[in-house]
Amino acid sequence: MGDLSTIGLIALKGVLALAIGIANIVIFIYMERKVIADMQVRFGPMRVGPHGTLQPIADLIKILNKEDIIPAAADRWLFILAPGIAFVPAYMLYLTIPISQNLMVADLDLGIFYLFGIMTVVPVSVLVAGWASHSKYALLGGLRGAAQQISYEIPLLASILGVVMLTGSFSLVSIVKAQQLPLIKLGAFTILPRWYIFLQPFGFLFYFIAALADTQRTPFDIPEAESELVQGYNTEYSSIKFALFFLGEYSNALIISALSVIVFFGGWSGFGPIPGVVWFFLKTYAFVYFIIWLRSTLPRIRIDQLMDLGWKVLLPLTLVNVIVTGFLMIR
């Protein structure tokens, strides 16, 4: 009976994680439309709900009512499977994100490895979607996406290794708890918290650049270059299949923002009587805002510039950061 109750509790937490994830994706989409509109001196969605707050729901209803078309020349089963490969790993990433000290599905000892292990599945969905569509635009987008994500997952992981070395653990909860100690203290007051952004500033910079590229956000949205590839790897998709790709893309961007808060900005820790959950979401949405800001500001770079940045610049610099961190730790 105890085993059944434990399984039931884990299943309930999983459902809640999915609900929280989808709710935050809806907020992300609405926020992106409004922030970009504000930066372009326009209103954005205003008609559906107060200030357009129900516009993401209306968009979802509209896209689900569209005709679900499978091209005649497509590989039918791979074409159907690809959106699931994109969305399911994105949902699985939520299962180890600690929103607060007691609000998480599971605290894994190898939480960092789990996250990056799941992330390696995402390029498969992009490649499968491009190949199965039997379209030159989709195929080029899929090849670009797979090459880009594989190239940037290496520096993305290497940029976090400095934090893992300082903490001595791959657990996300342990990483947050290690940052709750003061770095600079004056009497009983903490002047500067021991957030790893202060100890690993270059690691954070490399992480954030690699994270933008890994999630295909501007200026690294090469696989979805609509001016070149119509829409990239998901050109031939419509209705619920397109929605799953869309949700997976926004979910990955949200996870990357949450992970940056956990690894470099103290997770749920903060100041004063404000609850940890509030601190966590405030920090996460600060990163979401910055990601949206970059989208409305920077132009898209070329594919050759993207690959050069990843292999010739970012990867060597992240390895140097790991070496310097180890040298400073043994002194």
C-alpha atoms as a PDB file:
ATOM      1  CA  MET A   1       0.000   0.000   0.000  1.00  0.00           C
ATOM      2  CA  GLY A   2       2.872   2.335   0.812  1.00  0.00           C
ATOM      3  CA  ASP A   3       4.407   1.759  -2.635  1.00  0.00           C
ATOM      4  CA  LEU A   4       1.095   2.615  -4.325  1.00  0.00           C
ATOM      5  CA  SER A   5       0.740   5.836  -2.346  1.00  0.00           C
ATOM      6  CA  THR A   6       4.314   6.818  -3.239  1.00  0.00           C
ATOM      7  CA  ILE A   7       3.675   6.158  -6.935  1.00  0.00           C
ATOM      8  CA  GLY A   8       0.419   8.113  -6.725  1.00  0.00           C
ATOM      9  CA  LEU A   9       2.183  11.061  -5.082  1.00  0.00           C
ATOM     10  CA  ILE A  10       4.890  11.087  -7.772  1.00  0.00           C
ATOM     11  CA  ALA A  11       2.220  10.916 -10.505  1.00  0.00           C
ATOM     12  CA  LEU A  12       0.338  13.814  -8.898  1.00  0.00           C
ATOM     13  CA  LYS A  13       3.525  15.871  -8.750  1.00  0.00           C
ATOM     14  CA  GLY A  14       4.166  15.062 -12.414  1.00  0.00           C
ATOM     15  CA  VAL A  15       0.697  16.280 -13.415  1.00  0.00           C
ATOM     16  CA  LEU A  16       1.178  19.464 -11.373  1.00  0.00           C
ATOM     17  CA  ALA A  17       4.574  20.015 -13.018  1.00  0.00           C
ATOM     18  CA  LEU A  18       2.916  19.717 -16.438  1.00  0.00           C
ATOM     19  CA  ALA A  19       0.145  22.148 -15.427  1.00  0.00           C
ATOM     20  CA  ILE A  20       2.660  24.678 -14.039  1.00  0.00           C
ATOM     21  CA  GLY A  21       4.807  24.307 -17.159  1.00  0.00           C
ATOM     22  CA  ILE A  22       1.923  24.900 -19.600  1.00  0.00           C
ATOM     23  CA  ALA A  23       0.634  27.839 -17.535  1.00  0.00           C
ATOM     24  CA  ASN A  24       4.070  29.457 -17.649  1.00  0.00           C
ATOM     25  CA  ILE A  25       4.364  28.845 -21.396  1.00  0.00           C
ATOM     26  CA  VAL A  26       1.062  30.705 -21.881  1.00  0.00           C
ATOM     27  CA  ILE A  27       2.426  33.595 -19.793  1.00  0.00           C
ATOM     28  CA  PHE A  28       5.690  33.507 -21.774  1.00  0.00           C
ATOM     29  CA  ILE A  29       3.847  33.735 -25.130  1.00  0.00           C
ATOM     30  CA  TYR A  30       1.638  36.614 -23.957  1.00  0.00           C
ATOM     31  CA  MET A  31       4.603  38.416 -22.426  1.00  0.00           C
ATOM     32  CA  GLU A  32       6.640  38.041 -25.620  1.00  0.00           C
ATOM     33  CA  ARG A  33       3.930  39.555 -27.784  1.00  0.00           C
ATOM     34  CA  LYS A  34       3.405  42.455 -25.392  1.00  0.00           C
ATOM     35  CA  VAL A  35       7.089  43.229 -24.766  1.00  0.00           C
ATOM     36  CA  ILE A  36       7.984  43.165 -28.474  1.00  0.00           C
ATOM     37  CA  ALA A  37       4.933  45.320 -29.240  1.00  0.00           C
ATOM     38  CA  ASP A  38       6.003  47.829 -26.607  1.00  0.00           C
ATOM     39  CA  MET A  39       9.534  47.980 -28.034  1.00  0.00           C
ATOM     40  CA  GLN A  40       8.045  48.569 -31.494  1.00  0.00           C
ATOM     41  CA  VAL A  41       5.703  51.290 -30.132  1.00  0.00           C
ATOM     42  CA  ARG A  42       2.415  49.428 -30.623  1.00  0.00           C
ATOM     43  CA  PHE A  43      -0.189  47.807 -28.375  1.00  0.00           C
ATOM     44  CA  GLY A  44       0.017  44.119 -29.238  1.00  0.00           C
ATOM     45  CA  PRO A  45      -3.056  41.939 -28.536  1.00  0.00           C
ATOM     46  CA  MET A  46      -5.825  43.993 -26.896  1.00  0.00           C
ATOM     47  CA  ARG A  47      -9.217  42.620 -27.956  1.00  0.00           C
ATOM     48  CA  VAL A  48      -9.486  39.130 -26.390  1.00  0.00           C
ATOM     49  CA  GLY A  49      -9.763  39.563 -22.617  1.00  0.00           C
ATOM     50  CA  PRO A  50      -8.476  42.547 -20.602  1.00  0.00           C
ATOM     51  CA  HIS A  51      -5.438  43.904 -22.512  1.00  0.00           C
ATOM     52  CA  GLY A  52      -5.447  40.751 -24.638  1.00  0.00           C
ATOM     53  CA  THR A  53      -4.707  38.400 -21.733  1.00  0.00           C
ATOM     54  CA  LEU A  54      -6.847  35.635 -23.276  1.00  0.00           C
ATOM     55  CA  GLN A  55      -5.200  35.905 -26.694  1.00  0.00           C
ATOM     56  CA  PRO A  56      -2.908  32.843 -26.139  1.00  0.00           C
ATOM     57  CA  ILE A  57      -5.997  30.757 -25.297  1.00  0.00           C
ATOM     58  CA  ALA A  58      -7.746  32.007 -28.451  1.00  0.00           C
ATOM     59  CA  ASP A  59      -4.645  31.174 -30.496  1.00  0.00           C
ATOM     60  CA  LEU A  60      -4.599  27.656 -29.055  1.00  0.00           C
ATOM     61  CA  ILE A  61      -8.286  27.089 -29.882  1.00  0.00           C
ATOM     62  CA  LYS A  62      -7.702  28.380 -33.414  1.00  0.00           C
ATOM     63  CA  ILE A  63      -4.659  26.200 -34.076  1.00  0.00           C
ATOM     64  CA  LEU A  64      -6.375  23.075 -32.737  1.00  0.00           C
ATOM     65  CA  ASN A  65      -9.302  23.678 -35.145  1.00  0.00           C
ATOM     66  CA  LYS A  66      -7.026  23.840 -38.166  1.00  0.00           C
ATOM     67  CA  GLU A  67      -6.877  20.892 -40.563  1.00  0.00           C
ATOM     68  CA  ASP A  68      -4.227  18.321 -39.671  1.00  0.00           C
ATOM     69  CA  ILE A  69      -2.473  17.662 -42.984  1.00  0.00           C
ATOM     70  CA  ILE A  70       0.142  15.004 -43.688  1.00  0.00           C
ATOM     71  CA  PRO A  71       1.926  15.499 -47.037  1.00  0.00           C
ATOM     72  CA  ALA A  72       1.425  12.637 -49.473  1.00  0.00           C
ATOM     73  CA  ALA A  73       5.175  12.089 -49.951  1.00  0.00           C
ATOM     74  CA  ALA A  74       6.012  12.276 -46.225  1.00  0.00           C
ATOM     75  CA  ASP A  75       7.161   9.322 -44.112  1.00  0.00           C
ATOM     76  CA  ARG A  76       3.842   9.053 -42.283  1.00  0.00           C
ATOM     77  CA  TRP A  77       4.894   7.435 -38.986  1.00  0.00           C
ATOM     78  CA  LEU A  78       8.054   9.492 -38.520  1.00  0.00           C
ATOM     79  CA  PHE A  79       6.073  12.615 -39.426  1.00  0.00           C
ATOM     80  CA  ILE A  80       3.567  11.837 -36.658  1.00  0.00           C
ATOM     81  CA  LEU A  81       6.250  10.815 -34.145  1.00  0.00           C
ATOM     82  CA  ALA A  82       8.477  13.924 -34.436  1.00  0.00           C
ATOM     83  CA  PRO A  83       6.231  16.406 -32.520  1.00  0.00           C
ATOM     84  CA  GLY A  84       5.999  13.964 -29.618  1.00  0.00           C
ATOM     85  CA  ILE A  85       9.784  13.621 -29.539  1.00  0.00           C
ATOM     86  CA  ALA A  86       9.942  17.438 -29.320  1.00  0.00           C
ATOM     87  CA  PHE A  87       7.371  17.921 -26.547  1.00  0.00           C
ATOM     88  CA  VAL A  88       7.805  14.926 -24.206  1.00  0.00           C
ATOM     89  CA  PRO A  89      11.499  15.630 -23.366  1.00  0.00           C
ATOM     90  CA  ALA A  90      10.598  19.299 -22.795  1.00  0.00           C
ATOM     91  CA  TYR A  91       7.999  18.202 -20.239  1.00  0.00           C
ATOM     92  CA  MET A  92      10.415  15.740 -18.591  1.00  0.00           C
ATOM     93  CA  LEU A  93      12.817  18.604 -17.884  1.00  0.00           C
ATOM     94  CA  TYR A  94      10.300  20.101 -15.437  1.00  0.00           C
ATOM     95  CA  LEU A  95      10.451  17.041 -13.203  1.00  0.00           C
ATOM     96  CA  THR A  96      13.760  18.001 -11.559  1.00  0.00           C
ATOM     97  CA  ILE A  97      13.466  21.815 -11.479  1.00  0.00           C
ATOM     98  CA  PRO A  98      13.338  22.872  -7.775  1.00  0.00           C
ATOM     99  CA  ILE A  99      10.962  25.843  -7.541  1.00  0.00           C
ATOM    100  CA  SER A 100      11.559  26.011  -3.791  1.00  0.00           C
ATOM    101  CA  GLN A 101      13.160  23.856  -1.124  1.00  0.00           C
ATOM    102  CA  ASN A 102      10.050  21.667  -0.843  1.00  0.00           C
ATOM    103  CA  LEU A 103       8.385  22.225  -4.229  1.00  0.00           C
ATOM    104  CA  MET A 104       9.826  19.785  -6.774  1.00  0.00           C
ATOM    105  CA  VAL A 105       9.017  16.366  -8.184  1.00  0.00           C
ATOM    106  CA  ALA A 106      12.413  14.775  -7.458  1.00  0.00           C
ATOM    107  CA  ASP A 107      15.857  15.805  -6.239  1.00  0.00           C
ATOM    108  CA  LEU A 108      18.273  13.694  -8.272  1.00  0.00           C
ATOM    109  CA  ASP A 109      21.902  13.332  -7.241  1.00  0.00           C
ATOM    110  CA  LEU A 110      22.797  13.657 -10.938  1.00  0.00           C
ATOM    111  CA  GLY A 111      20.237  16.366 -11.735  1.00  0.00           C
ATOM    112  CA  ILE A 112      22.547  18.240 -14.119  1.00  0.00           C
ATOM    113  CA  PHE A 113      23.311  15.043 -16.056  1.00  0.00           C
ATOM    114  CA  TYR A 114      19.596  14.227 -16.202  1.00  0.00           C
ATOM    115  CA  LEU A 115      18.761  17.620 -17.694  1.00  0.00           C
ATOM    116  CA  PHE A 116      21.482  17.476 -20.318  1.00  0.00           C
ATOM    117  CA  GLY A 117      20.708  13.848 -21.099  1.00  0.00           C
ATOM    118  CA  ILE A 118      17.096  14.794 -21.882  1.00  0.00           C
ATOM    119  CA  MET A 119      18.213  17.843 -23.881  1.00  0.00           C
ATOM    120  CA  THR A 120      20.207  15.611 -26.232  1.00  0.00           C
ATOM    121  CA  VAL A 121      16.914  14.081 -27.445  1.00  0.00           C
ATOM    122  CA  VAL A 122      15.614  17.421 -28.782  1.00  0.00           C
ATOM    123  CA  PRO A 123      17.884  17.530 -31.895  1.00  0.00           C
ATOM    124  CA  VAL A 124      16.482  14.120 -32.852  1.00  0.00           C
ATOM    125  CA  SER A 125      12.960  15.582 -33.147  1.00  0.00           C
ATOM    126  CA  VAL A 126      14.187  18.446 -35.331  1.00  0.00           C
ATOM    127  CA  LEU A 127      16.096  16.096 -37.638  1.00  0.00           C
ATOM    128  CA  VAL A 128      13.260  13.563 -37.830  1.00  0.00           C
ATOM    129  CA  ALA A 129      10.719  16.315 -38.617  1.00  0.00           C
ATOM    130  CA  GLY A 130      12.871  17.698 -41.407  1.00  0.00           C
ATOM    131  CA  TRP A 131      13.599  14.286 -42.933  1.00  0.00           C
ATOM    132  CA  ALA A 132      10.060  12.907 -42.656  1.00  0.00           C
ATOM    133  CA  SER A 133       8.432  15.980 -44.257  1.00  0.00           C
ATOM    134  CA  HIS A 134       9.987  15.232 -47.668  1.00  0.00           C
ATOM    135  CA  SER A 135      10.494  18.963 -48.228  1.00  0.00           C
ATOM    136  CA  LYS A 136      13.759  20.698 -49.070  1.00  0.00           C
ATOM    137  CA  TYR A 137      12.964  23.621 -46.755  1.00  0.00           C
ATOM    138  CA  ALA A 138      12.136  21.327 -43.842  1.00  0.00           C
ATOM    139  CA  LEU A 139      15.184  19.130 -44.501  1.00  0.00           C
ATOM    140  CA  LEU A 140      17.567  22.098 -44.514  1.00  0.00           C
ATOM    141  CA  GLY A 141      15.968  23.398 -41.315  1.00  0.00           C
ATOM    142  CA  GLY A 142      16.274  19.991 -39.666  1.00  0.00           C
ATOM    143  CA  LEU A 143      19.935  19.605 -40.614  1.00  0.00           C
ATOM    144  CA  ARG A 144      20.696  23.113 -39.403  1.00  0.00           C
ATOM    145  CA  GLY A 145      18.846  22.535 -36.126  1.00  0.00           C
ATOM    146  CA  ALA A 146      20.572  19.229 -35.377  1.00  0.00           C
ATOM    147  CA  ALA A 147      24.030  20.635 -36.166  1.00  0.00           C
ATOM    148  CA  GLN A 148      23.373  23.748 -34.085  1.00  0.00           C
ATOM    149  CA  GLN A 149      22.037  21.991 -31.004  1.00  0.00           C
ATOM    150  CA  ILE A 150      24.719  19.294 -30.994  1.00  0.00           C
ATOM    151  CA  SER A 151      27.432  21.950 -31.395  1.00  0.00           C
ATOM    152  CA  TYR A 152      26.225  24.099 -28.513  1.00  0.00           C
ATOM    153  CA  GLU A 153      25.295  21.383 -26.012  1.00  0.00           C
ATOM    154  CA  ILE A 154      29.007  20.762 -25.389  1.00  0.00           C
ATOM    155  CA  PRO A 155      29.911  24.345 -24.345  1.00  0.00           C
ATOM    156  CA  LEU A 156      26.568  24.582 -22.529  1.00  0.00           C
ATOM    157  CA  LEU A 157      27.520  21.698 -20.237  1.00  0.00           C
ATOM    158  CA  ALA A 158      31.157  22.823 -19.962  1.00  0.00           C
ATOM    159  CA  SER A 159      30.076  26.302 -18.836  1.00  0.00           C
ATOM    160  CA  ILE A 160      28.297  24.788 -15.799  1.00  0.00           C
ATOM    161  CA  LEU A 161      31.177  22.510 -14.801  1.00  0.00           C
ATOM    162  CA  GLY A 162      32.845  25.359 -12.884  1.00  0.00           C
ATOM    163  CA  VAL A 163      29.759  25.622 -10.659  1.00  0.00           C
ATOM    164  CA  VAL A 164      29.685  21.843 -10.202  1.00  0.00           C
ATOM    165  CA  MET A 165      33.345  21.926  -9.138  1.00  0.00           C
ATOM    166  CA  LEU A 166      32.705  24.679  -6.578  1.00  0.00           C
ATOM    167  CA  THR A 167      29.635  22.897  -5.178  1.00  0.00           C
ATOM    168  CA  GLY A 168      30.975  19.348  -5.297  1.00  0.00           C
ATOM    169  CA  SER A 169      27.595  18.034  -6.450  1.00  0.00           C
ATOM    170  CA  PHE A 170      25.477  17.577  -9.576  1.00  0.00           C
ATOM    171  CA  SER A 171      22.253  18.007  -7.568  1.00  0.00           C
ATOM    172  CA  LEU A 172      20.304  21.159  -8.426  1.00  0.00           C
ATOM    173  CA  VAL A 173      19.072  21.473  -4.836  1.00  0.00           C
ATOM    174  CA  SER A 174      22.634  21.221  -3.489  1.00  0.00           C
ATOM    175  CA  ILE A 175      23.748  23.907  -5.931  1.00  0.00           C
ATOM    176  CA  VAL A 176      21.045  26.280  -4.668  1.00  0.00           C
ATOM    177  CA  LYS A 177      21.793  25.541  -1.011  1.00  0.00           C
ATOM    178  CA  ALA A 178      25.504  26.207  -1.572  1.00  0.00           C
ATOM    179  CA  GLN A 179      24.571  29.718  -2.735  1.00  0.00           C
ATOM    180  CA  GLN A 180      22.632  30.579   0.418  1.00  0.00           C
ATOM    181  CA  LEU A 181      25.832  31.288   2.344  1.00  0.00           C
ATOM    182  CA  PRO A 182      27.091  34.911   2.397  1.00  0.00           C
ATOM    183  CA  LEU A 183      30.033  35.851   0.203  1.00  0.00           C
ATOM    184  CA  ILE A 184      30.602  39.217   1.906  1.00  0.00           C
ATOM    185  CA  LYS A 185      29.143  39.826   5.365  1.00  0.00           C
ATOM    186  CA  LEU A 186      29.075  42.917   7.586  1.00  0.00           C
ATOM    187  CA  GLY A 187      28.156  41.938  11.129  1.00  0.00           C
ATOM    188  CA  ALA A 188      24.838  40.092  10.952  1.00  0.00           C
ATOM    189  CA  PHE A 189      23.988  41.459   7.495  1.00  0.00           C
ATOM    190  CA  THR A 190      24.790  39.832   4.145  1.00  0.00           C
ATOM    191  CA  ILE A 191      26.270  42.451   1.832  1.00  0.00           C
ATOM    192  CA  LEU A 192      26.785  40.073  -1.095  1.00  0.00           C
ATOM    193  CA  PRO A 193      25.278  36.575  -1.373  1.00  0.00           C
ATOM    194  CA  ARG A 194      27.401  33.661  -2.530  1.00  0.00           C
ATOM    195  CA  TRP A 195      25.622  33.444  -5.860  1.00  0.00           C
ATOM    196  CA  TYR A 196      27.800  31.815  -8.482  1.00  0.00           C
ATOM    197  CA  ILE A 197      27.318  34.741 -10.873  1.00  0.00           C
ATOM    198  CA  PHE A 198      29.946  36.506  -8.716  1.00  0.00           C
ATOM    199  CA  LEU A 199      32.303  33.511  -8.652  1.00  0.00           C
ATOM    200  CA  GLN A 200      31.703  32.354 -12.231  1.00  0.00           C
ATOM    201  CA  PRO A 201      30.889  35.490 -14.275  1.00  0.00           C
ATOM    202  CA  PHE A 202      32.514  34.167 -17.452  1.00  0.00           C
ATOM    203  CA  GLY A 203      30.874  30.785 -16.945  1.00  0.00           C
ATOM    204  CA  PHE A 204      27.492  32.513 -16.872  1.00  0.00           C
ATOM    205  CA  LEU A 205      28.261  34.549 -19.989  1.00  0.00           C
ATOM    206  CA  PHE A 206      29.293  31.416 -21.905  1.00  0.00           C
ATOM    207  CA  TYR A 207      26.270  29.534 -20.557  1.00  0.00           C
ATOM    208  CA  PHE A 208      23.803  32.194 -21.641  1.00  0.00           C
ATOM    209  CA  ILE A 209      25.184  32.451 -25.184  1.00  0.00           C
ATOM    210  CA  ALA A 210      25.195  28.655 -25.570  1.00  0.00           C
ATOM    211  CA  ALA A 211      21.690  28.436 -24.072  1.00  0.00           C
ATOM    212  CA  LEU A 212      20.282  30.924 -26.600  1.00  0.00           C
ATOM    213  CA  ALA A 213      21.817  28.898 -29.434  1.00  0.00           C
ATOM    214  CA  ASP A 214      20.695  25.549 -28.018  1.00  0.00           C
ATOM    215  CA  THR A 215      17.080  26.749 -27.731  1.00  0.00           C
ATOM    216  CA  GLN A 216      17.187  28.397 -31.179  1.00  0.00           C
ATOM    217  CA  ARG A 217      16.369  31.847 -29.866  1.00  0.00           C
ATOM    218  CA  THR A 218      17.327  35.057 -31.675  1.00  0.00           C
ATOM    219  CA  PRO A 219      19.995  35.768 -32.891  1.00  0.00           C
ATOM    220  CA  PHE A 220      20.529  32.011 -33.302  1.00  0.00           C
ATOM    221  CA  ASP A 221      17.136  31.074 -34.817  1.00  0.00           C
ATOM    222  CA  ILE A 222      18.818  29.551 -37.874  1.00  0.00           C
ATOM    223  CA  PRO A 223      16.606  26.396 -38.145  1.00  0.00           C
ATOM    224  CA  GLU A 224      13.431  28.546 -38.392  1.00  0.00           C
ATOM    225  CA  ALA A 225      14.809  31.255 -40.685  1.00  0.00           C
ATOM    226  CA  GLU A 226      11.480  32.245 -42.259  1.00  0.00           C
ATOM    227  CA  SER A 227      13.201  34.556 -44.761  1.00  0.00           C
ATOM    228  CA  GLU A 228      15.128  31.569 -46.160  1.00  0.00           C
ATOM    229  CA  LEU A 229      13.308  28.351 -45.238  1.00  0.00           C
ATOM    230  CA  VAL A 230       9.615  29.388 -45.014  1.00  0.00           C
ATOM    231  CA  GLN A 231       9.464  28.062 -41.432  1.00  0.00           C
ATOM    232  CA  GLY A 232      12.273  25.510 -41.303  1.00  0.00           C
ATOM    233  CA  TYR A 233      11.902  21.981 -40.005  1.00  0.00           C
ATOM    234  CA  ASN A 234       8.193  22.399 -39.100  1.00  0.00           C
ATOM    235  CA  THR A 235       7.108  23.966 -42.418  1.00  0.00           C
ATOM    236  CA  GLU A 236       4.801  21.065 -43.329  1.00  0.00           C
ATOM    237  CA  TYR A 237       3.176  20.774 -39.883  1.00  0.00           C
ATOM    238  CA  SER A 238      -0.207  22.144 -38.855  1.00  0.00           C
ATOM    239  CA  SER A 239      -2.800  21.906 -36.069  1.00  0.00           C
ATOM    240  CA  ILE A 240      -1.837  19.960 -32.910  1.00  0.00           C
ATOM    241  CA  LYS A 241       1.485  18.773 -34.361  1.00  0.00           C
ATOM    242  CA  PHE A 242       2.637  22.340 -34.974  1.00  0.00           C
ATOM    243  CA  ALA A 243       1.379  23.305 -31.510  1.00  0.00           C
ATOM    244  CA  LEU A 244       3.535  20.584 -29.916  1.00  0.00           C
ATOM    245  CA  PHE A 245       6.656  21.940 -31.644  1.00  0.00           C
ATOM    246  CA  PHE A 246       5.661  25.439 -30.539  1.00  0.00           C
ATOM    247  CA  LEU A 247       5.136  24.362 -26.919  1.00  0.00           C
ATOM    248  CA  GLY A 248       8.396  22.426 -26.890  1.00  0.00           C
ATOM    249  CA  GLU A 249      10.359  25.432 -28.153  1.00  0.00           C
ATOM    250  CA  TYR A 250       8.940  27.803 -25.544  1.00  0.00           C
ATOM    251  CA  SER A 251       9.273  25.172 -22.833  1.00  0.00           C
ATOM    252  CA  ASN A 252      12.985  24.755 -23.557  1.00  0.00           C
ATOM    253  CA  ALA A 253      13.521  28.529 -23.386  1.00  0.00           C
ATOM    254  CA  LEU A 254      11.690  28.629 -20.054  1.00  0.00           C
ATOM    255  CA  ILE A 255      13.756  25.732 -18.683  1.00  0.00           C
ATOM    256  CA  ILE A 256      16.992  27.430 -19.737  1.00  0.00           C
ATOM    257  CA  SER A 257      15.901  30.609 -17.898  1.00  0.00           C
ATOM    258  CA  ALA A 258      14.992  28.624 -14.764  1.00  0.00           C
ATOM    259  CA  LEU A 259      18.273  26.690 -14.893  1.00  0.00           C
ATOM    260  CA  SER A 260      20.283  29.917 -15.114  1.00  0.00           C
ATOM    261  CA  VAL A 261      18.508  31.132 -11.965  1.00  0.00           C
ATOM    262  CA  ILE A 262      19.223  27.859 -10.148  1.00  0.00           C
ATOM    263  CA  VAL A 263      22.872  27.571 -11.158  1.00  0.00           C
ATOM    264  CA  PHE A 264      24.029  31.204 -11.070  1.00  0.00           C
ATOM    265  CA  PHE A 265      21.491  33.329  -9.170  1.00  0.00           C
ATOM    266  CA  GLY A 266      20.686  31.419  -5.998  1.00  0.00           C
ATOM    267  CA  GLY A 267      17.484  29.682  -7.116  1.00  0.00           C
ATOM    268  CA  TRP A 268      14.683  30.402  -4.667  1.00  0.00           C
ATOM    269  CA  SER A 269      16.919  32.267  -2.198  1.00  0.00           C
ATOM    270  CA  GLY A 270      16.341  36.002  -1.768  1.00  0.00           C
ATOM    271  CA  PHE A 271      16.026  38.788   0.765  1.00  0.00           C
ATOM    272  CA  GLY A 272      13.371  39.786   3.262  1.00  0.00           C
ATOM    273  CA  PRO A 273      10.030  38.069   3.962  1.00  0.00           C
ATOM    274  CA  ILE A 274       9.214  37.361   0.297  1.00  0.00           C
ATOM    275  CA  PRO A 275       8.591  33.593  -0.207  1.00  0.00           C
ATOM    276  CA  GLY A 276      11.171  31.585  -2.116  1.00  0.00           C
ATOM    277  CA  VAL A 277       8.677  30.628  -4.846  1.00  0.00           C
ATOM    278  CA  VAL A 278       8.110  34.314  -5.613  1.00  0.00           C
ATOM    279  CA  TRP A 279      11.860  34.961  -5.777  1.00  0.00           C
ATOM    280  CA  PHE A 280      12.320  32.015  -8.145  1.00  0.00           C
ATOM    281  CA  PHE A 281       9.692  33.207 -10.619  1.00  0.00           C
ATOM    282  CA  LEU A 282      10.782  36.852 -10.399  1.00  0.00           C
ATOM    283  CA  LYS A 283      14.328  35.880 -11.373  1.00  0.00           C
ATOM    284  CA  THR A 284      13.160  33.456 -14.065  1.00  0.00           C
ATOM    285  CA  TYR A 285      10.914  36.012 -15.728  1.00  0.00           C
ATOM    286  CA  ALA A 286      13.696  38.591 -15.598  1.00  0.00           C
ATOM    287  CA  PHE A 287      15.639  36.219 -17.867  1.00  0.00           C
ATOM    288  CA  VAL A 288      12.561  35.626 -20.015  1.00  0.00           C
ATOM    289  CA  TYR A 289      12.229  39.388 -20.459  1.00  0.00           C
ATOM    290  CA  PHE A 290      15.888  39.660 -21.461  1.00  0.00           C
ATOM    291  CA  ILE A 291      15.508  36.832 -24.012  1.00  0.00           C
ATOM    292  CA  ILE A 292      12.505  38.615 -25.538  1.00  0.00           C
ATOM    293  CA  TRP A 293      14.430  41.888 -25.538  1.00  0.00           C
ATOM    294  CA  LEU A 294      17.216  40.253 -27.554  1.00  0.00           C
ATOM    295  CA  ARG A 295      14.691  38.919 -30.064  1.00  0.00           C
ATOM    296  CA  SER A 296      13.368  42.401 -30.763  1.00  0.00           C
ATOM    297  CA  THR A 297      16.867  43.911 -30.939  1.00  0.00           C
ATOM    298  CA  LEU A 298      19.413  41.659 -32.652  1.00  0.00           C
ATOM    299  CA  PRO A 299      19.512  40.469 -36.274  1.00  0.00           C
ATOM    300  CA  ARG A 300      19.950  36.796 -37.161  1.00  0.00           C
ATOM    301  CA  ILE A 301      23.548  35.677 -37.736  1.00  0.00           C
ATOM    302  CA  ARG A 302      24.670  33.417 -40.590  1.00  0.00           C
ATOM    303  CA  ILE A 303      25.091  29.652 -40.214  1.00  0.00           C
ATOM    304  CA  ASP A 304      28.870  29.836 -40.743  1.00  0.00           C
ATOM    305  CA  GLN A 305      29.162  32.521 -38.045  1.00  0.00           C
ATOM    306  CA  LEU A 306      27.066  30.349 -35.726  1.00  0.00           C
ATOM    307  CA  MET A 307      29.305  27.295 -36.135  1.00  0.00           C
ATOM    308  CA  ASP A 308      32.522  29.323 -35.849  1.00  0.00           C
ATOM    309  CA  LEU A 309      31.301  30.904 -32.620  1.00  0.00           C
ATOM    310  CA  GLY A 310      30.450  27.528 -31.111  1.00  0.00           C
ATOM    311  CA  TRP A 311      33.508  25.480 -32.038  1.00  0.00           C
ATOM    312  CA  LYS A 312      36.273  28.076 -32.388  1.00  0.00           C
ATOM    313  CA  VAL A 313      35.343  30.554 -29.633  1.00  0.00           C
ATOM    314  CA  LEU A 314      32.833  29.278 -27.093  1.00  0.00           C
ATOM    315  CA  LEU A 315      34.114  25.720 -26.604  1.00  0.00           C
ATOM    316  CA  PRO A 316      37.786  26.710 -26.009  1.00  0.00           C
ATOM    317  CA  LEU A 317      36.752  29.512 -23.639  1.00  0.00           C
ATOM    318  CA  THR A 318      34.521  27.226 -21.554  1.00  0.00           C
ATOM    319  CA  LEU A 319      37.356  24.703 -21.223  1.00  0.00           C
ATOM    320  CA  VAL A 320      39.730  27.483 -20.163  1.00  0.00           C
ATOM    321  CA  ASN A 321      37.166  28.546 -17.549  1.00  0.00           C
ATOM    322  CA  VAL A 322      37.086  24.993 -16.146  1.00  0.00           C
ATOM    323  CA  ILE A 323      40.901  24.833 -15.998  1.00  0.00           C
ATOM    324  CA  VAL A 324      41.180  28.242 -14.287  1.00  0.00           C
ATOM    325  CA  THR A 325      38.465  27.284 -11.771  1.00  0.00           C
ATOM    326  CA  GLY A 326      40.321  24.079 -10.883  1.00  0.00           C
ATOM    327  CA  PHE A 327      43.617  25.951 -10.544  1.00  0.00           C
ATOM    328  CA  LEU A 328      42.070  28.515  -8.175  1.00  0.00           C
ATOM    329  CA  MET A 329      40.438  25.771  -6.092  1.00  0.00           C
ATOM    330  CA  ILE A 330      43.721  23.961  -5.382  1.00  0.00           C
ATOM    331  CA  ARG A 331      45.581  27.132  -4.390  1.00  0.00           C
END
